[in-house]
N, C-alpha and C. Protein backbone atom coordinates (compact mmCIF):
# COMPACT_ATOMS: atom_id res chain seq x y z
N MET A 1 2.43 -4.64 -42.89
CA MET A 1 1.92 -5.96 -43.22
C MET A 1 1.88 -6.79 -41.93
N ASP A 2 0.80 -7.52 -41.72
CA ASP A 2 0.70 -8.33 -40.51
C ASP A 2 1.51 -9.62 -40.63
N LEU A 3 1.73 -10.26 -39.51
CA LEU A 3 2.59 -11.45 -39.47
C LEU A 3 2.04 -12.59 -40.33
N ALA A 4 0.73 -12.79 -40.32
CA ALA A 4 0.14 -13.87 -41.13
C ALA A 4 0.42 -13.66 -42.62
N ALA A 5 0.38 -12.43 -43.08
CA ALA A 5 0.67 -12.13 -44.49
C ALA A 5 2.15 -12.37 -44.80
N LEU A 6 3.02 -12.00 -43.88
CA LEU A 6 4.45 -12.25 -44.07
C LEU A 6 4.74 -13.74 -44.13
N VAL A 7 4.07 -14.50 -43.27
CA VAL A 7 4.23 -15.95 -43.24
C VAL A 7 3.76 -16.56 -44.57
N ALA A 8 2.60 -16.12 -45.03
CA ALA A 8 2.07 -16.64 -46.30
C ALA A 8 3.03 -16.35 -47.45
N ARG A 9 3.62 -15.17 -47.44
CA ARG A 9 4.57 -14.82 -48.49
C ARG A 9 5.83 -15.68 -48.40
N ALA A 10 6.31 -15.91 -47.18
CA ALA A 10 7.53 -16.71 -47.00
C ALA A 10 7.33 -18.16 -47.43
N LEU A 11 6.12 -18.69 -47.22
CA LEU A 11 5.84 -20.09 -47.53
C LEU A 11 5.22 -20.29 -48.91
N ALA A 12 5.12 -19.23 -49.69
CA ALA A 12 4.50 -19.29 -51.01
C ALA A 12 5.34 -20.12 -51.98
N PRO A 13 4.71 -20.65 -53.03
CA PRO A 13 5.45 -21.45 -54.02
C PRO A 13 6.62 -20.70 -54.66
N ASP A 14 6.53 -19.38 -54.73
CA ASP A 14 7.61 -18.58 -55.30
C ASP A 14 8.30 -17.72 -54.24
N GLY A 15 8.12 -18.08 -52.98
CA GLY A 15 8.70 -17.32 -51.88
C GLY A 15 10.18 -17.61 -51.67
N PRO A 16 10.77 -16.97 -50.68
CA PRO A 16 12.21 -17.11 -50.43
C PRO A 16 12.64 -18.54 -50.07
N LEU A 17 11.79 -19.29 -49.41
CA LEU A 17 12.16 -20.67 -49.06
C LEU A 17 12.21 -21.55 -50.31
N ALA A 18 11.31 -21.29 -51.25
CA ALA A 18 11.29 -22.08 -52.49
C ALA A 18 12.59 -21.90 -53.27
N GLY A 19 13.15 -20.72 -53.22
CA GLY A 19 14.39 -20.46 -53.93
C GLY A 19 15.61 -21.11 -53.30
N ARG A 20 15.49 -21.51 -52.04
CA ARG A 20 16.61 -22.11 -51.31
C ARG A 20 16.61 -23.63 -51.36
N ASP A 21 15.48 -24.22 -51.68
CA ASP A 21 15.35 -25.68 -51.63
C ASP A 21 14.65 -26.16 -52.90
N ALA A 22 15.37 -26.90 -53.71
CA ALA A 22 14.81 -27.38 -54.98
C ALA A 22 13.61 -28.30 -54.77
N GLY A 23 13.53 -28.96 -53.62
CA GLY A 23 12.42 -29.86 -53.34
C GLY A 23 11.25 -29.19 -52.64
N TRP A 24 11.31 -27.87 -52.52
CA TRP A 24 10.25 -27.15 -51.79
C TRP A 24 8.92 -27.27 -52.52
N ARG A 25 7.88 -27.50 -51.76
CA ARG A 25 6.53 -27.47 -52.31
C ARG A 25 5.61 -26.91 -51.23
N PRO A 26 4.66 -26.10 -51.61
CA PRO A 26 3.74 -25.55 -50.61
C PRO A 26 2.86 -26.66 -50.05
N ARG A 27 2.60 -26.57 -48.76
CA ARG A 27 1.75 -27.56 -48.09
C ARG A 27 0.61 -26.81 -47.40
N GLU A 28 -0.60 -27.18 -47.72
CA GLU A 28 -1.77 -26.51 -47.18
C GLU A 28 -1.79 -26.56 -45.65
N GLY A 29 -1.50 -27.74 -45.09
CA GLY A 29 -1.50 -27.89 -43.63
C GLY A 29 -0.42 -27.06 -42.97
N GLN A 30 0.72 -26.95 -43.62
CA GLN A 30 1.83 -26.16 -43.09
C GLN A 30 1.44 -24.69 -43.02
N LEU A 31 0.82 -24.18 -44.06
CA LEU A 31 0.42 -22.78 -44.08
C LEU A 31 -0.65 -22.52 -43.02
N ALA A 32 -1.60 -23.43 -42.88
CA ALA A 32 -2.64 -23.26 -41.85
C ALA A 32 -2.02 -23.23 -40.46
N MET A 33 -1.09 -24.13 -40.20
CA MET A 33 -0.42 -24.15 -38.90
C MET A 33 0.40 -22.89 -38.69
N ALA A 34 1.12 -22.46 -39.70
CA ALA A 34 1.95 -21.25 -39.59
C ALA A 34 1.09 -20.02 -39.32
N ARG A 35 -0.07 -19.94 -39.95
CA ARG A 35 -0.98 -18.81 -39.68
C ARG A 35 -1.50 -18.86 -38.25
N ALA A 36 -1.80 -20.06 -37.77
CA ALA A 36 -2.26 -20.20 -36.38
C ALA A 36 -1.16 -19.79 -35.40
N VAL A 37 0.07 -20.19 -35.66
CA VAL A 37 1.20 -19.80 -34.82
C VAL A 37 1.37 -18.29 -34.86
N ALA A 38 1.28 -17.70 -36.04
CA ALA A 38 1.41 -16.24 -36.17
C ALA A 38 0.34 -15.53 -35.35
N GLY A 39 -0.87 -16.06 -35.38
CA GLY A 39 -1.95 -15.47 -34.59
C GLY A 39 -1.68 -15.51 -33.11
N ARG A 40 -1.13 -16.62 -32.64
CA ARG A 40 -0.81 -16.74 -31.21
C ARG A 40 0.34 -15.80 -30.84
N ILE A 41 1.29 -15.63 -31.73
CA ILE A 41 2.39 -14.70 -31.47
C ILE A 41 1.85 -13.27 -31.36
N GLU A 42 0.95 -12.91 -32.26
CA GLU A 42 0.41 -11.54 -32.28
C GLU A 42 -0.55 -11.27 -31.12
N ARG A 43 -1.37 -12.25 -30.78
CA ARG A 43 -2.41 -12.02 -29.78
C ARG A 43 -2.14 -12.67 -28.43
N GLY A 44 -1.11 -13.51 -28.38
CA GLY A 44 -0.81 -14.22 -27.14
C GLY A 44 -1.68 -15.45 -26.98
N GLY A 45 -1.40 -16.22 -25.95
CA GLY A 45 -2.16 -17.42 -25.70
C GLY A 45 -1.39 -18.67 -26.07
N ALA A 46 -2.03 -19.79 -25.88
CA ALA A 46 -1.41 -21.08 -26.13
C ALA A 46 -1.97 -21.70 -27.41
N LEU A 47 -1.19 -22.58 -27.99
CA LEU A 47 -1.61 -23.29 -29.19
C LEU A 47 -1.03 -24.69 -29.14
N VAL A 48 -1.87 -25.67 -29.36
CA VAL A 48 -1.42 -27.06 -29.46
C VAL A 48 -1.81 -27.55 -30.85
N VAL A 49 -0.84 -28.10 -31.56
CA VAL A 49 -1.07 -28.57 -32.92
C VAL A 49 -0.60 -30.01 -33.04
N GLU A 50 -1.42 -30.83 -33.65
CA GLU A 50 -1.03 -32.20 -33.95
C GLU A 50 -1.05 -32.36 -35.46
N ALA A 51 0.02 -32.88 -36.01
CA ALA A 51 0.09 -33.05 -37.46
C ALA A 51 0.96 -34.26 -37.79
N ALA A 52 0.64 -34.89 -38.88
CA ALA A 52 1.36 -36.09 -39.30
C ALA A 52 2.76 -35.76 -39.82
N THR A 53 3.57 -36.77 -39.93
CA THR A 53 4.89 -36.63 -40.52
C THR A 53 4.77 -36.10 -41.94
N GLY A 54 5.61 -35.14 -42.29
CA GLY A 54 5.62 -34.60 -43.64
C GLY A 54 4.77 -33.38 -43.86
N VAL A 55 4.07 -32.93 -42.83
CA VAL A 55 3.22 -31.75 -42.97
C VAL A 55 4.05 -30.47 -43.07
N GLY A 56 5.18 -30.47 -42.40
CA GLY A 56 6.02 -29.28 -42.41
C GLY A 56 5.96 -28.50 -41.11
N LYS A 57 5.84 -29.22 -40.01
CA LYS A 57 5.70 -28.59 -38.70
C LYS A 57 6.87 -27.68 -38.35
N THR A 58 8.07 -28.10 -38.65
CA THR A 58 9.25 -27.32 -38.25
C THR A 58 9.21 -25.92 -38.85
N PHE A 59 9.02 -25.82 -40.15
CA PHE A 59 8.94 -24.49 -40.76
C PHE A 59 7.67 -23.77 -40.35
N ALA A 60 6.61 -24.51 -40.07
CA ALA A 60 5.34 -23.88 -39.69
C ALA A 60 5.45 -23.12 -38.38
N TYR A 61 6.31 -23.56 -37.47
CA TYR A 61 6.47 -22.77 -36.25
C TYR A 61 7.70 -21.88 -36.29
N LEU A 62 8.73 -22.27 -37.02
CA LEU A 62 9.94 -21.44 -37.07
C LEU A 62 9.77 -20.17 -37.90
N VAL A 63 9.10 -20.26 -39.03
CA VAL A 63 8.96 -19.08 -39.89
C VAL A 63 8.25 -17.94 -39.16
N PRO A 64 7.08 -18.16 -38.54
CA PRO A 64 6.46 -17.04 -37.83
C PRO A 64 7.29 -16.56 -36.63
N ALA A 65 7.96 -17.48 -35.96
CA ALA A 65 8.77 -17.09 -34.81
C ALA A 65 9.95 -16.22 -35.22
N LEU A 66 10.55 -16.52 -36.36
CA LEU A 66 11.72 -15.77 -36.81
C LEU A 66 11.36 -14.46 -37.50
N LEU A 67 10.15 -14.37 -38.03
CA LEU A 67 9.74 -13.13 -38.68
C LEU A 67 9.36 -12.11 -37.64
């Protein structure tokens, strides 16, 4: 399974993070950013992302990095 698929599964509404946090909710922007980060990890290169407060930036870069 590729990294983007693993990221999508981890951030899914019924994924492992949802089971750890009662307030967890999937965020479209977070998943898009996480997939972009996963792509840069797999293929190399730089990525700059700008996102508003509450998008979920921390998990969006940590989940692909830790997987």
